[in-house]
Amino acid sequence: MLGNSTRRLSIALSCVVAIFGFACSDSAPTSSGSSAGEEELITTATVTLTPQGGGTAITLQFKDLDGAGGTAPNIDSLKVALGTTYNGTILLQNEAATPAEDITVEVKNEAEEHQIFYTTGGSFAIATVAVTDTESDYGTNAGTDLPVGIAFTLTVPNNAGNGTLRVILSHFDDDAKNGTTQSNESDIDITFQVTVM
């Protein structure tokens, strides 16, 4: 009798250990796929601003090929015209990979877990940024159709001064995305210096 009880207890404990071990496994996904919770290395962010009504497009770039903690990144400054509205896009890449990876594609594929926030500062704070894309632009979304931020407009009024344009890519793993609040996890956080002309 005692032998059967001991055997049942041993089997039960083995099952608990096996289940617990499986649930706690932190094995990485295979290279054939990625999960929404993965952080990607973003070495390069390219912002393109095209004046509405015509004109020469402006391109500015953040580049940090060795990632955080190494050589300081190269960050372009931005020169914009007063009284102008620009159509904007952002391209995110990992240029440390060969060939370079287009991380923007992953942001689009996981639009419900990402949002790019733009804030203006200093005497440029009077300029406004409006995100013009939503999750449904990149696929079917499960709930409210929230902003993504790959496409946007930047409106520079005549009385704007010099300042900054900050770009933050929020990744929503633990926090719920609501379209207005940044998450506690940022994949990029870049501040461009802005001069008005």
C-alpha atoms as a PDB file:
ATOM      1  CA  MET A   1       0.000   0.000   0.000  1.00  0.00           C
ATOM      2  CA  LEU A   2       2.783   2.374   0.965  1.00  0.00           C
ATOM      3  CA  GLY A   3       4.633   1.435  -2.216  1.00  0.00           C
ATOM      4  CA  ASN A   4       1.669   2.382  -4.449  1.00  0.00           C
ATOM      5  CA  SER A   5       1.194   5.707  -2.636  1.00  0.00           C
ATOM      6  CA  THR A   6       4.884   6.519  -3.001  1.00  0.00           C
ATOM      7  CA  ARG A   7       4.802   5.602  -6.688  1.00  0.00           C
ATOM      8  CA  ARG A   8       1.698   7.809  -7.299  1.00  0.00           C
ATOM      9  CA  LEU A   9       3.341  10.718  -5.442  1.00  0.00           C
ATOM     10  CA  SER A  10       6.530  10.272  -7.465  1.00  0.00           C
ATOM     11  CA  ILE A  11       4.591  10.274 -10.753  1.00  0.00           C
ATOM     12  CA  ALA A  12       2.567  13.324  -9.692  1.00  0.00           C
ATOM     13  CA  LEU A  13       5.725  15.220  -8.739  1.00  0.00           C
ATOM     14  CA  SER A  14       7.372  14.290 -12.033  1.00  0.00           C
ATOM     15  CA  CYS A  15       4.370  15.687 -13.927  1.00  0.00           C
ATOM     16  CA  VAL A  16       4.430  18.905 -11.910  1.00  0.00           C
ATOM     17  CA  VAL A  17       8.154  19.347 -12.554  1.00  0.00           C
ATOM     18  CA  ALA A  18       7.710  18.650 -16.280  1.00  0.00           C
ATOM     19  CA  ILE A  19       4.804  21.099 -16.588  1.00  0.00           C
ATOM     20  CA  PHE A  20       6.574  23.764 -14.534  1.00  0.00           C
ATOM     21  CA  GLY A  21       9.777  23.325 -16.513  1.00  0.00           C
ATOM     22  CA  PHE A  22       7.908  23.694 -19.805  1.00  0.00           C
ATOM     23  CA  ALA A  23       5.971  26.765 -18.652  1.00  0.00           C
ATOM     24  CA  CYS A  24       9.111  28.480 -17.394  1.00  0.00           C
ATOM     25  CA  SER A  25      11.186  27.732 -20.450  1.00  0.00           C
ATOM     26  CA  ASP A  26      12.775  30.885 -21.829  1.00  0.00           C
ATOM     27  CA  SER A  27      13.908  29.409 -25.082  1.00  0.00           C
ATOM     28  CA  ALA A  28      14.115  31.938 -27.900  1.00  0.00           C
ATOM     29  CA  PRO A  29      11.922  31.591 -30.968  1.00  0.00           C
ATOM     30  CA  THR A  30      13.499  29.913 -33.948  1.00  0.00           C
ATOM     31  CA  SER A  31      14.961  31.989 -36.723  1.00  0.00           C
ATOM     32  CA  SER A  32      12.023  31.069 -38.947  1.00  0.00           C
ATOM     33  CA  GLY A  33       9.691  33.397 -37.054  1.00  0.00           C
ATOM     34  CA  SER A  34       9.477  36.173 -34.508  1.00  0.00           C
ATOM     35  CA  SER A  35       7.146  36.941 -31.663  1.00  0.00           C
ATOM     36  CA  ALA A  36       5.572  40.275 -30.806  1.00  0.00           C
ATOM     37  CA  GLY A  37       7.554  40.505 -27.565  1.00  0.00           C
ATOM     38  CA  GLU A  38      10.979  40.498 -29.160  1.00  0.00           C
ATOM     39  CA  GLU A  39      13.057  43.656 -29.153  1.00  0.00           C
ATOM     40  CA  GLU A  40      14.816  44.352 -32.417  1.00  0.00           C
ATOM     41  CA  LEU A  41      18.083  46.214 -32.856  1.00  0.00           C
ATOM     42  CA  ILE A  42      17.346  49.519 -34.587  1.00  0.00           C
ATOM     43  CA  THR A  43      20.561  51.133 -35.754  1.00  0.00           C
ATOM     44  CA  THR A  44      19.090  53.625 -38.204  1.00  0.00           C
ATOM     45  CA  ALA A  45      16.012  55.841 -38.331  1.00  0.00           C
ATOM     46  CA  THR A  46      15.411  57.907 -41.466  1.00  0.00           C
ATOM     47  CA  VAL A  47      12.753  60.631 -41.426  1.00  0.00           C
ATOM     48  CA  THR A  48      11.609  62.085 -44.761  1.00  0.00           C
ATOM     49  CA  LEU A  49       9.621  65.330 -44.835  1.00  0.00           C
ATOM     50  CA  THR A  50       8.035  66.471 -48.106  1.00  0.00           C
ATOM     51  CA  PRO A  51       6.434  69.940 -48.289  1.00  0.00           C
ATOM     52  CA  GLN A  52       2.753  69.811 -49.147  1.00  0.00           C
ATOM     53  CA  GLY A  53       2.151  71.575 -52.450  1.00  0.00           C
ATOM     54  CA  GLY A  54       5.589  70.700 -53.793  1.00  0.00           C
ATOM     55  CA  GLY A  55       9.208  71.342 -53.023  1.00  0.00           C
ATOM     56  CA  THR A  56      12.375  69.475 -52.150  1.00  0.00           C
ATOM     57  CA  ALA A  57      12.052  66.659 -49.631  1.00  0.00           C
ATOM     58  CA  ILE A  58      14.138  66.850 -46.448  1.00  0.00           C
ATOM     59  CA  THR A  59      15.824  63.707 -45.140  1.00  0.00           C
ATOM     60  CA  LEU A  60      17.299  63.436 -41.677  1.00  0.00           C
ATOM     61  CA  GLN A  61      18.830  60.422 -40.064  1.00  0.00           C
ATOM     62  CA  PHE A  62      19.829  58.862 -36.780  1.00  0.00           C
ATOM     63  CA  LYS A  63      22.536  56.219 -37.117  1.00  0.00           C
ATOM     64  CA  ASP A  64      24.154  54.119 -34.368  1.00  0.00           C
ATOM     65  CA  LEU A  65      25.655  51.054 -36.023  1.00  0.00           C
ATOM     66  CA  ASP A  66      27.256  49.622 -32.876  1.00  0.00           C
ATOM     67  CA  GLY A  67      24.161  50.053 -30.693  1.00  0.00           C
ATOM     68  CA  ALA A  68      23.788  51.611 -27.271  1.00  0.00           C
ATOM     69  CA  GLY A  69      26.918  52.060 -25.170  1.00  0.00           C
ATOM     70  CA  GLY A  70      29.438  52.150 -28.008  1.00  0.00           C
ATOM     71  CA  THR A  71      30.421  55.024 -30.259  1.00  0.00           C
ATOM     72  CA  ALA A  72      28.107  58.031 -30.025  1.00  0.00           C
ATOM     73  CA  PRO A  73      25.389  57.997 -32.701  1.00  0.00           C
ATOM     74  CA  ASN A  74      25.309  60.372 -35.668  1.00  0.00           C
ATOM     75  CA  ILE A  75      22.162  62.504 -35.455  1.00  0.00           C
ATOM     76  CA  ASP A  76      21.293  64.953 -38.224  1.00  0.00           C
ATOM     77  CA  SER A  77      19.786  68.333 -37.465  1.00  0.00           C
ATOM     78  CA  LEU A  78      16.579  69.479 -39.144  1.00  0.00           C
ATOM     79  CA  LYS A  79      15.989  72.742 -41.004  1.00  0.00           C
ATOM     80  CA  VAL A  80      12.360  73.557 -41.805  1.00  0.00           C
ATOM     81  CA  ALA A  81      10.572  76.484 -43.438  1.00  0.00           C
ATOM     82  CA  LEU A  82       8.159  78.661 -41.488  1.00  0.00           C
ATOM     83  CA  GLY A  83       4.536  78.492 -42.579  1.00  0.00           C
ATOM     84  CA  THR A  84       4.938  75.040 -44.113  1.00  0.00           C
ATOM     85  CA  THR A  85       3.223  71.698 -43.603  1.00  0.00           C
ATOM     86  CA  TYR A  86       5.219  68.576 -44.389  1.00  0.00           C
ATOM     87  CA  ASN A  87       4.088  65.031 -45.101  1.00  0.00           C
ATOM     88  CA  GLY A  88       6.386  62.766 -43.097  1.00  0.00           C
ATOM     89  CA  THR A  89       7.427  59.128 -43.064  1.00  0.00           C
ATOM     90  CA  ILE A  90       9.916  57.174 -40.997  1.00  0.00           C
ATOM     91  CA  LEU A  91      12.016  54.159 -41.992  1.00  0.00           C
ATOM     92  CA  LEU A  92      13.543  51.989 -39.246  1.00  0.00           C
ATOM     93  CA  GLN A  93      16.431  49.649 -40.067  1.00  0.00           C
ATOM     94  CA  ASN A  94      18.969  47.323 -38.542  1.00  0.00           C
ATOM     95  CA  GLU A  95      22.032  48.028 -40.675  1.00  0.00           C
ATOM     96  CA  ALA A  96      24.219  45.872 -38.450  1.00  0.00           C
ATOM     97  CA  ALA A  97      22.661  42.872 -40.227  1.00  0.00           C
ATOM     98  CA  THR A  98      23.670  41.776 -43.728  1.00  0.00           C
ATOM     99  CA  PRO A  99      21.598  42.515 -45.673  1.00  0.00           C
ATOM    100  CA  ALA A 100      20.077  45.365 -43.670  1.00  0.00           C
ATOM    101  CA  GLU A 101      16.739  44.519 -42.030  1.00  0.00           C
ATOM    102  CA  ASP A 102      13.713  46.759 -42.542  1.00  0.00           C
ATOM    103  CA  ILE A 103      12.315  46.958 -39.012  1.00  0.00           C
ATOM    104  CA  THR A 104       9.468  49.171 -40.282  1.00  0.00           C
ATOM    105  CA  VAL A 105       7.938  46.026 -41.783  1.00  0.00           C
ATOM    106  CA  GLU A 106       7.868  44.413 -38.342  1.00  0.00           C
ATOM    107  CA  VAL A 107       6.282  47.525 -36.817  1.00  0.00           C
ATOM    108  CA  LYS A 108       3.579  47.340 -39.506  1.00  0.00           C
ATOM    109  CA  ASN A 109       3.041  43.609 -38.951  1.00  0.00           C
ATOM    110  CA  GLU A 110       2.772  44.188 -35.200  1.00  0.00           C
ATOM    111  CA  ALA A 111       0.967  47.534 -35.403  1.00  0.00           C
ATOM    112  CA  GLU A 112      -1.205  46.788 -32.370  1.00  0.00           C
ATOM    113  CA  GLU A 113       1.951  46.456 -30.240  1.00  0.00           C
ATOM    114  CA  HIS A 114       3.750  49.582 -31.503  1.00  0.00           C
ATOM    115  CA  GLN A 115       3.253  53.336 -31.753  1.00  0.00           C
ATOM    116  CA  ILE A 116       5.637  56.114 -32.763  1.00  0.00           C
ATOM    117  CA  PHE A 117       5.229  59.331 -30.777  1.00  0.00           C
ATOM    118  CA  TYR A 118       6.469  62.733 -31.977  1.00  0.00           C
ATOM    119  CA  THR A 119       6.881  65.708 -29.642  1.00  0.00           C
ATOM    120  CA  THR A 120       8.174  69.196 -30.374  1.00  0.00           C
ATOM    121  CA  GLY A 121      10.135  71.187 -27.815  1.00  0.00           C
ATOM    122  CA  GLY A 122      11.715  74.530 -27.050  1.00  0.00           C
ATOM    123  CA  SER A 123      10.539  77.423 -29.219  1.00  0.00           C
ATOM    124  CA  PHE A 124       9.568  74.778 -31.799  1.00  0.00           C
ATOM    125  CA  ALA A 125       6.918  73.399 -29.417  1.00  0.00           C
ATOM    126  CA  ILE A 126       4.292  75.449 -31.238  1.00  0.00           C
ATOM    127  CA  ALA A 127       4.774  73.207 -34.291  1.00  0.00           C
ATOM    128  CA  THR A 128       2.353  70.289 -34.389  1.00  0.00           C
ATOM    129  CA  VAL A 129       2.655  66.665 -35.464  1.00  0.00           C
ATOM    130  CA  ALA A 130      -0.406  64.648 -36.474  1.00  0.00           C
ATOM    131  CA  VAL A 131      -0.108  60.898 -37.053  1.00  0.00           C
ATOM    132  CA  THR A 132      -1.937  59.965 -40.261  1.00  0.00           C
ATOM    133  CA  ASP A 133      -1.823  56.148 -40.269  1.00  0.00           C
ATOM    134  CA  THR A 134      -3.690  53.611 -38.152  1.00  0.00           C
ATOM    135  CA  GLU A 135      -3.385  49.910 -37.387  1.00  0.00           C
ATOM    136  CA  SER A 136      -5.890  48.936 -40.088  1.00  0.00           C
ATOM    137  CA  ASP A 137      -3.590  50.435 -42.744  1.00  0.00           C
ATOM    138  CA  TYR A 138      -1.288  47.452 -42.159  1.00  0.00           C
ATOM    139  CA  GLY A 139      -3.749  44.627 -41.539  1.00  0.00           C
ATOM    140  CA  THR A 140      -6.830  43.621 -39.616  1.00  0.00           C
ATOM    141  CA  ASN A 141      -6.898  44.957 -36.087  1.00  0.00           C
ATOM    142  CA  ALA A 142      -8.709  43.314 -33.195  1.00  0.00           C
ATOM    143  CA  GLY A 143     -10.159  46.360 -31.453  1.00  0.00           C
ATOM    144  CA  THR A 144     -10.082  50.127 -31.684  1.00  0.00           C
ATOM    145  CA  ASP A 145      -8.195  51.338 -34.759  1.00  0.00           C
ATOM    146  CA  LEU A 146      -5.332  53.195 -33.040  1.00  0.00           C
ATOM    147  CA  PRO A 147      -2.517  55.351 -34.514  1.00  0.00           C
ATOM    148  CA  VAL A 148       0.836  53.835 -35.533  1.00  0.00           C
ATOM    149  CA  GLY A 149       3.039  56.779 -36.554  1.00  0.00           C
ATOM    150  CA  ILE A 150       4.938  55.583 -39.606  1.00  0.00           C
ATOM    151  CA  ALA A 151       3.164  58.357 -41.546  1.00  0.00           C
ATOM    152  CA  PHE A 152       2.475  61.825 -40.147  1.00  0.00           C
ATOM    153  CA  THR A 153       2.287  65.533 -40.901  1.00  0.00           C
ATOM    154  CA  LEU A 154       4.457  68.266 -39.381  1.00  0.00           C
ATOM    155  CA  THR A 155       2.960  71.768 -39.414  1.00  0.00           C
ATOM    156  CA  VAL A 156       5.372  74.654 -38.794  1.00  0.00           C
ATOM    157  CA  PRO A 157       3.568  77.963 -38.078  1.00  0.00           C
ATOM    158  CA  ASN A 158       5.046  81.344 -38.991  1.00  0.00           C
ATOM    159  CA  ASN A 159       5.859  82.153 -35.343  1.00  0.00           C
ATOM    160  CA  ALA A 160       7.774  78.953 -34.552  1.00  0.00           C
ATOM    161  CA  GLY A 161      11.340  79.171 -33.276  1.00  0.00           C
ATOM    162  CA  ASN A 162      14.281  76.809 -32.967  1.00  0.00           C
ATOM    163  CA  GLY A 163      13.917  73.747 -30.799  1.00  0.00           C
ATOM    164  CA  THR A 164      13.665  69.973 -30.990  1.00  0.00           C
ATOM    165  CA  LEU A 165      11.730  67.129 -32.553  1.00  0.00           C
ATOM    166  CA  ARG A 166      11.677  63.990 -30.421  1.00  0.00           C
ATOM    167  CA  VAL A 167      10.799  60.578 -31.884  1.00  0.00           C
ATOM    168  CA  ILE A 168       9.931  57.652 -29.596  1.00  0.00           C
ATOM    169  CA  LEU A 169       8.923  54.149 -30.698  1.00  0.00           C
ATOM    170  CA  SER A 170       6.896  52.613 -27.884  1.00  0.00           C
ATOM    171  CA  HIS A 171       6.589  48.845 -27.653  1.00  0.00           C
ATOM    172  CA  PHE A 172       3.471  47.602 -25.867  1.00  0.00           C
ATOM    173  CA  ASP A 173       4.139  44.250 -24.197  1.00  0.00           C
ATOM    174  CA  ASP A 174       2.996  44.801 -20.621  1.00  0.00           C
ATOM    175  CA  ASP A 175       1.036  48.047 -21.060  1.00  0.00           C
ATOM    176  CA  ALA A 176      -2.180  48.253 -23.033  1.00  0.00           C
ATOM    177  CA  LYS A 177      -1.931  50.516 -26.068  1.00  0.00           C
ATOM    178  CA  ASN A 178      -4.521  53.312 -25.973  1.00  0.00           C
ATOM    179  CA  GLY A 179      -3.284  55.597 -28.756  1.00  0.00           C
ATOM    180  CA  THR A 180      -2.262  58.499 -26.513  1.00  0.00           C
ATOM    181  CA  THR A 181       0.051  57.202 -23.779  1.00  0.00           C
ATOM    182  CA  GLN A 182       3.601  55.962 -24.291  1.00  0.00           C
ATOM    183  CA  SER A 183       4.537  52.554 -22.898  1.00  0.00           C
ATOM    184  CA  ASN A 184       7.246  51.949 -20.318  1.00  0.00           C
ATOM    185  CA  GLU A 185       9.346  50.308 -23.054  1.00  0.00           C
ATOM    186  CA  SER A 186      10.904  52.319 -25.889  1.00  0.00           C
ATOM    187  CA  ASP A 187      12.656  50.710 -28.847  1.00  0.00           C
ATOM    188  CA  ILE A 188      14.065  54.088 -29.933  1.00  0.00           C
ATOM    189  CA  ASP A 189      14.184  57.555 -28.371  1.00  0.00           C
ATOM    190  CA  ILE A 190      15.788  60.193 -30.608  1.00  0.00           C
ATOM    191  CA  THR A 191      15.924  63.964 -30.292  1.00  0.00           C
ATOM    192  CA  PHE A 192      16.654  65.991 -33.442  1.00  0.00           C
ATOM    193  CA  GLN A 193      17.715  69.642 -33.149  1.00  0.00           C
ATOM    194  CA  VAL A 194      15.494  71.891 -35.281  1.00  0.00           C
ATOM    195  CA  THR A 195      16.267  75.236 -36.935  1.00  0.00           C
ATOM    196  CA  VAL A 196      13.525  77.273 -38.612  1.00  0.00           C
ATOM    197  CA  MET A 197      14.119  79.377 -41.726  1.00  0.00           C
END
